[in-house]
């Protein structure tokens, strides 16, 4: 759901923004968000489904090792 919403929000921003705020650096930032961030975040999202990893992160956040 997070990756899908990221795809949709960047696409909506790219196609629905007014032409007055168009700049090459903004276009570059949107294209990087659209093409790099979701594949980079996907392994993190799918690893959070792993119960062993969840337990380890919970222990780490509680401060007990």
C-alpha atoms as a PDB file:
ATOM      1  CA  UNK A   1       0.000   0.000   0.000  1.00  0.00           C
ATOM      2  CA  UNK A   2       2.859   2.377   0.771  1.00  0.00           C
ATOM      3  CA  UNK A   3       4.571   1.766  -2.559  1.00  0.00           C
ATOM      4  CA  UNK A   4       1.329   2.094  -4.507  1.00  0.00           C
ATOM      5  CA  UNK A   5       0.465   5.357  -2.780  1.00  0.00           C
ATOM      6  CA  UNK A   6       3.970   6.671  -3.514  1.00  0.00           C
ATOM      7  CA  UNK A   7       3.569   5.814  -7.200  1.00  0.00           C
ATOM      8  CA  UNK A   8       0.154   7.447  -7.371  1.00  0.00           C
ATOM      9  CA  UNK A   9       1.120  10.589  -5.468  1.00  0.00           C
ATOM     10  CA  UNK A  10       4.239  11.273  -7.539  1.00  0.00           C
ATOM     11  CA  UNK A  11       2.364  10.633 -10.781  1.00  0.00           C
ATOM     12  CA  UNK A  12      -0.449  12.946  -9.708  1.00  0.00           C
ATOM     13  CA  UNK A  13       2.039  15.643  -8.762  1.00  0.00           C
ATOM     14  CA  UNK A  14       3.903  15.290 -12.050  1.00  0.00           C
ATOM     15  CA  UNK A  15       0.813  15.518 -14.240  1.00  0.00           C
ATOM     16  CA  UNK A  16      -1.479  17.825 -12.241  1.00  0.00           C
ATOM     17  CA  UNK A  17       0.932  20.528 -11.116  1.00  0.00           C
ATOM     18  CA  UNK A  18       0.492  23.971 -12.657  1.00  0.00           C
ATOM     19  CA  UNK A  19       3.013  24.934 -15.351  1.00  0.00           C
ATOM     20  CA  UNK A  20       4.012  28.005 -13.346  1.00  0.00           C
ATOM     21  CA  UNK A  21       5.940  25.891 -10.812  1.00  0.00           C
ATOM     22  CA  UNK A  22       7.723  23.804 -13.427  1.00  0.00           C
ATOM     23  CA  UNK A  23      11.493  23.666 -13.140  1.00  0.00           C
ATOM     24  CA  UNK A  24      14.110  21.136 -14.273  1.00  0.00           C
ATOM     25  CA  UNK A  25      15.254  20.410 -10.728  1.00  0.00           C
ATOM     26  CA  UNK A  26      11.680  19.742  -9.596  1.00  0.00           C
ATOM     27  CA  UNK A  27      11.149  17.432 -12.569  1.00  0.00           C
ATOM     28  CA  UNK A  28      14.335  15.577 -11.656  1.00  0.00           C
ATOM     29  CA  UNK A  29      13.261  15.197  -8.028  1.00  0.00           C
ATOM     30  CA  UNK A  30       9.864  13.820  -9.037  1.00  0.00           C
ATOM     31  CA  UNK A  31      11.382  11.369 -11.504  1.00  0.00           C
ATOM     32  CA  UNK A  32      13.874  10.152  -8.887  1.00  0.00           C
ATOM     33  CA  UNK A  33      11.079   9.686  -6.367  1.00  0.00           C
ATOM     34  CA  UNK A  34       9.033   7.820  -8.946  1.00  0.00           C
ATOM     35  CA  UNK A  35      11.767   5.503 -10.180  1.00  0.00           C
ATOM     36  CA  UNK A  36      14.243   4.967  -7.328  1.00  0.00           C
ATOM     37  CA  UNK A  37      12.414   5.167  -4.017  1.00  0.00           C
ATOM     38  CA  UNK A  38       9.739   2.431  -4.451  1.00  0.00           C
ATOM     39  CA  UNK A  39      12.187  -0.302  -5.510  1.00  0.00           C
ATOM     40  CA  UNK A  40      14.502   0.721  -2.673  1.00  0.00           C
ATOM     41  CA  UNK A  41      11.693   0.639  -0.096  1.00  0.00           C
ATOM     42  CA  UNK A  42      10.153  -2.627  -1.326  1.00  0.00           C
ATOM     43  CA  UNK A  43      12.629  -4.969   0.429  1.00  0.00           C
ATOM     44  CA  UNK A  44      12.101  -3.100   3.685  1.00  0.00           C
ATOM     45  CA  UNK A  45       8.329  -3.368   3.386  1.00  0.00           C
ATOM     46  CA  UNK A  46       8.395  -7.069   2.567  1.00  0.00           C
ATOM     47  CA  UNK A  47      10.910  -7.823   5.285  1.00  0.00           C
ATOM     48  CA  UNK A  48       8.562  -6.273   7.834  1.00  0.00           C
ATOM     49  CA  UNK A  49       6.244  -9.195   7.154  1.00  0.00           C
ATOM     50  CA  UNK A  50       8.893 -11.466   8.656  1.00  0.00           C
ATOM     51  CA  UNK A  51       7.985 -12.102  12.308  1.00  0.00           C
ATOM     52  CA  UNK A  52      11.598 -12.745  13.306  1.00  0.00           C
ATOM     53  CA  UNK A  53      12.638  -9.334  12.025  1.00  0.00           C
ATOM     54  CA  UNK A  54       9.688  -7.662  13.753  1.00  0.00           C
ATOM     55  CA  UNK A  55      10.682  -9.234  17.062  1.00  0.00           C
ATOM     56  CA  UNK A  56      14.297  -8.128  16.633  1.00  0.00           C
ATOM     57  CA  UNK A  57      13.288  -4.544  15.847  1.00  0.00           C
ATOM     58  CA  UNK A  58      10.929  -4.513  18.810  1.00  0.00           C
ATOM     59  CA  UNK A  59      13.747  -5.673  21.120  1.00  0.00           C
ATOM     60  CA  UNK A  60      16.090  -3.076  19.656  1.00  0.00           C
ATOM     61  CA  UNK A  61      13.591  -0.248  20.152  1.00  0.00           C
ATOM     62  CA  UNK A  62      12.913  -1.314  23.750  1.00  0.00           C
ATOM     63  CA  UNK A  63      16.622  -1.266  24.532  1.00  0.00           C
ATOM     64  CA  UNK A  64      16.928  -4.902  25.579  1.00  0.00           C
ATOM     65  CA  UNK A  65      19.502  -6.981  23.739  1.00  0.00           C
END
